[in-house]
């Protein structure tokens, strides 16, 4: 994907399209393993990522 260290979602099973995450000092990067091109990467701030996770957990 790039020089970033990527971690696969813990909710992913083998053979499925998965979300991958890479954390930098400034941002959190998200990518889909089905389309691992740089255009598929979403870059968001740490506070925005925290809010996203809170919203997803609230819906679950």
N, C-alpha and C. Protein backbone atom coordinates (compact mmCIF):
# COMPACT_ATOMS: atom_id res chain seq x y z
N UNK A 1 0.82 -1.19 0.00
CA UNK A 1 0.00 0.00 0.00
C UNK A 1 0.86 1.26 0.00
N UNK A 2 1.88 1.30 0.85
CA UNK A 2 2.83 2.41 0.87
C UNK A 2 3.85 2.13 1.95
N UNK A 3 4.62 3.15 2.34
CA UNK A 3 5.63 2.97 3.37
C UNK A 3 5.02 2.98 4.77
N UNK A 4 3.71 3.23 4.89
CA UNK A 4 3.05 3.24 6.19
C UNK A 4 2.93 1.82 6.74
N UNK A 5 2.86 1.73 8.07
CA UNK A 5 2.61 0.45 8.72
C UNK A 5 1.10 0.31 8.85
N UNK A 6 0.54 -0.71 8.19
CA UNK A 6 -0.90 -0.91 8.14
C UNK A 6 -1.31 -2.05 9.06
N UNK A 7 -2.44 -1.87 9.75
CA UNK A 7 -3.01 -2.90 10.61
C UNK A 7 -4.39 -3.24 10.07
N UNK A 8 -4.69 -4.52 9.96
CA UNK A 8 -6.00 -4.96 9.46
C UNK A 8 -7.01 -4.94 10.59
N UNK A 9 -8.24 -4.56 10.28
CA UNK A 9 -9.32 -4.55 11.26
C UNK A 9 -9.46 -5.90 11.95
N UNK A 10 -9.75 -5.88 13.23
CA UNK A 10 -9.94 -7.13 13.98
C UNK A 10 -11.26 -7.80 13.62
N UNK A 11 -12.14 -7.10 12.91
CA UNK A 11 -13.43 -7.67 12.50
C UNK A 11 -13.36 -8.33 11.12
N UNK A 12 -12.19 -8.38 10.55
CA UNK A 12 -12.01 -8.92 9.21
C UNK A 12 -11.68 -10.40 9.30
N UNK A 13 -12.23 -11.15 8.36
CA UNK A 13 -11.90 -12.57 8.26
C UNK A 13 -11.08 -12.78 7.00
N UNK A 14 -10.37 -13.90 6.93
CA UNK A 14 -9.54 -14.18 5.77
C UNK A 14 -10.37 -14.19 4.49
N UNK A 15 -9.82 -13.61 3.43
CA UNK A 15 -10.47 -13.64 2.14
C UNK A 15 -11.50 -12.54 1.91
N UNK A 16 -11.79 -11.73 2.90
CA UNK A 16 -12.77 -10.67 2.75
C UNK A 16 -12.09 -9.33 2.53
N UNK A 17 -12.83 -8.40 1.95
CA UNK A 17 -12.33 -7.04 1.84
C UNK A 17 -12.30 -6.47 3.26
N UNK A 18 -11.20 -5.86 3.62
CA UNK A 18 -11.01 -5.40 4.99
C UNK A 18 -10.62 -3.93 5.03
N UNK A 19 -10.85 -3.34 6.16
CA UNK A 19 -10.38 -1.98 6.41
C UNK A 19 -9.00 -2.09 7.04
N UNK A 20 -8.07 -1.29 6.55
CA UNK A 20 -6.73 -1.22 7.12
C UNK A 20 -6.52 0.18 7.67
N UNK A 21 -5.77 0.28 8.76
CA UNK A 21 -5.54 1.56 9.41
C UNK A 21 -4.04 1.77 9.60
N UNK A 22 -3.62 3.03 9.44
CA UNK A 22 -2.24 3.42 9.71
C UNK A 22 -2.30 4.76 10.45
N UNK A 23 -1.60 4.84 11.55
CA UNK A 23 -1.63 6.05 12.38
C UNK A 23 -0.31 6.79 12.23
N UNK A 24 -0.40 8.08 11.93
CA UNK A 24 0.78 8.94 11.89
C UNK A 24 0.65 9.97 13.01
N UNK A 25 1.64 10.79 13.17
CA UNK A 25 1.59 11.82 14.21
C UNK A 25 0.44 12.80 13.98
N UNK A 26 0.12 13.06 12.72
CA UNK A 26 -0.89 14.06 12.39
C UNK A 26 -2.26 13.48 12.09
N UNK A 27 -2.32 12.28 11.52
CA UNK A 27 -3.58 11.77 10.99
C UNK A 27 -3.74 10.27 11.22
N UNK A 28 -4.95 9.82 10.95
CA UNK A 28 -5.26 8.40 10.88
C UNK A 28 -5.62 8.13 9.43
N UNK A 29 -4.97 7.13 8.83
CA UNK A 29 -5.20 6.77 7.43
C UNK A 29 -6.02 5.48 7.38
N UNK A 30 -7.03 5.46 6.52
CA UNK A 30 -7.87 4.28 6.34
C UNK A 30 -7.83 3.86 4.88
N UNK A 31 -7.77 2.57 4.64
CA UNK A 31 -7.78 2.04 3.28
C UNK A 31 -8.57 0.74 3.25
N UNK A 32 -9.15 0.45 2.11
CA UNK A 32 -9.89 -0.78 1.87
C UNK A 32 -8.98 -1.75 1.13
N UNK A 33 -8.84 -2.96 1.63
CA UNK A 33 -7.93 -3.92 0.99
C UNK A 33 -8.39 -4.33 -0.40
N UNK A 34 -9.68 -4.16 -0.72
CA UNK A 34 -10.17 -4.50 -2.05
C UNK A 34 -9.66 -3.51 -3.10
N UNK A 35 -9.37 -2.28 -2.68
CA UNK A 35 -8.84 -1.26 -3.58
C UNK A 35 -7.69 -0.54 -2.89
N UNK A 36 -6.53 -1.17 -2.78
CA UNK A 36 -5.43 -0.62 -1.99
C UNK A 36 -4.64 0.48 -2.68
N UNK A 37 -5.19 1.12 -3.69
CA UNK A 37 -4.46 2.20 -4.35
C UNK A 37 -4.45 3.44 -3.45
N UNK A 38 -3.48 4.32 -3.61
CA UNK A 38 -3.44 5.54 -2.79
C UNK A 38 -4.71 6.37 -2.89
N UNK A 39 -5.44 6.28 -4.00
CA UNK A 39 -6.68 7.04 -4.14
C UNK A 39 -7.76 6.53 -3.18
N UNK A 40 -7.61 5.31 -2.68
CA UNK A 40 -8.61 4.73 -1.80
C UNK A 40 -8.37 5.10 -0.34
N UNK A 41 -7.30 5.82 -0.06
CA UNK A 41 -6.95 6.14 1.32
C UNK A 41 -7.71 7.38 1.79
N UNK A 42 -8.30 7.28 2.98
CA UNK A 42 -8.96 8.39 3.63
C UNK A 42 -8.05 8.85 4.76
N UNK A 43 -7.80 10.13 4.83
CA UNK A 43 -6.95 10.70 5.87
C UNK A 43 -7.81 11.62 6.74
N UNK A 44 -7.87 11.30 8.04
CA UNK A 44 -8.66 12.12 8.96
C UNK A 44 -7.85 12.43 10.23
N UNK A 45 -8.24 13.46 10.93
CA UNK A 45 -7.54 13.84 12.16
C UNK A 45 -7.85 12.84 13.27
N UNK A 46 -7.01 12.83 14.29
CA UNK A 46 -7.23 11.94 15.42
C UNK A 46 -8.58 12.20 16.09
N UNK A 47 -8.96 13.48 16.36
CA UNK A 47 -10.28 13.73 16.97
C UNK A 47 -11.44 13.27 16.08
N UNK A 48 -11.33 13.45 14.77
CA UNK A 48 -12.39 13.02 13.87
C UNK A 48 -12.51 11.50 13.87
N UNK A 49 -11.38 10.79 13.93
CA UNK A 49 -11.41 9.33 13.98
C UNK A 49 -12.05 8.85 15.27
N UNK A 50 -11.70 9.48 16.38
CA UNK A 50 -12.30 9.13 17.67
C UNK A 50 -13.81 9.31 17.62
N UNK A 51 -14.27 10.42 17.04
CA UNK A 51 -15.71 10.65 16.91
C UNK A 51 -16.36 9.61 16.00
N UNK A 52 -15.70 9.23 14.92
CA UNK A 52 -16.21 8.20 14.02
C UNK A 52 -16.41 6.88 14.77
N UNK A 53 -15.43 6.47 15.53
CA UNK A 53 -15.51 5.23 16.29
C UNK A 53 -16.64 5.30 17.32
N UNK A 54 -16.77 6.43 18.00
CA UNK A 54 -17.87 6.60 18.97
C UNK A 54 -19.22 6.46 18.28
N UNK A 55 -19.39 7.07 17.13
CA UNK A 55 -20.66 7.00 16.41
C UNK A 55 -20.94 5.57 15.95
N UNK A 56 -19.92 4.86 15.46
CA UNK A 56 -20.11 3.48 15.02
C UNK A 56 -20.48 2.57 16.17
N UNK A 57 -19.86 2.77 17.32
CA UNK A 57 -20.18 1.95 18.49
C UNK A 57 -21.59 2.24 18.98
N UNK A 58 -22.03 3.48 18.89
CA UNK A 58 -23.37 3.85 19.34
C UNK A 58 -24.44 3.21 18.46
N UNK A 59 -24.13 3.02 17.16
CA UNK A 59 -25.08 2.38 16.24
C UNK A 59 -25.10 0.88 16.39
N UNK A 60 -24.05 0.31 16.96
CA UNK A 60 -23.92 -1.14 17.03
C UNK A 60 -24.68 -1.72 18.12
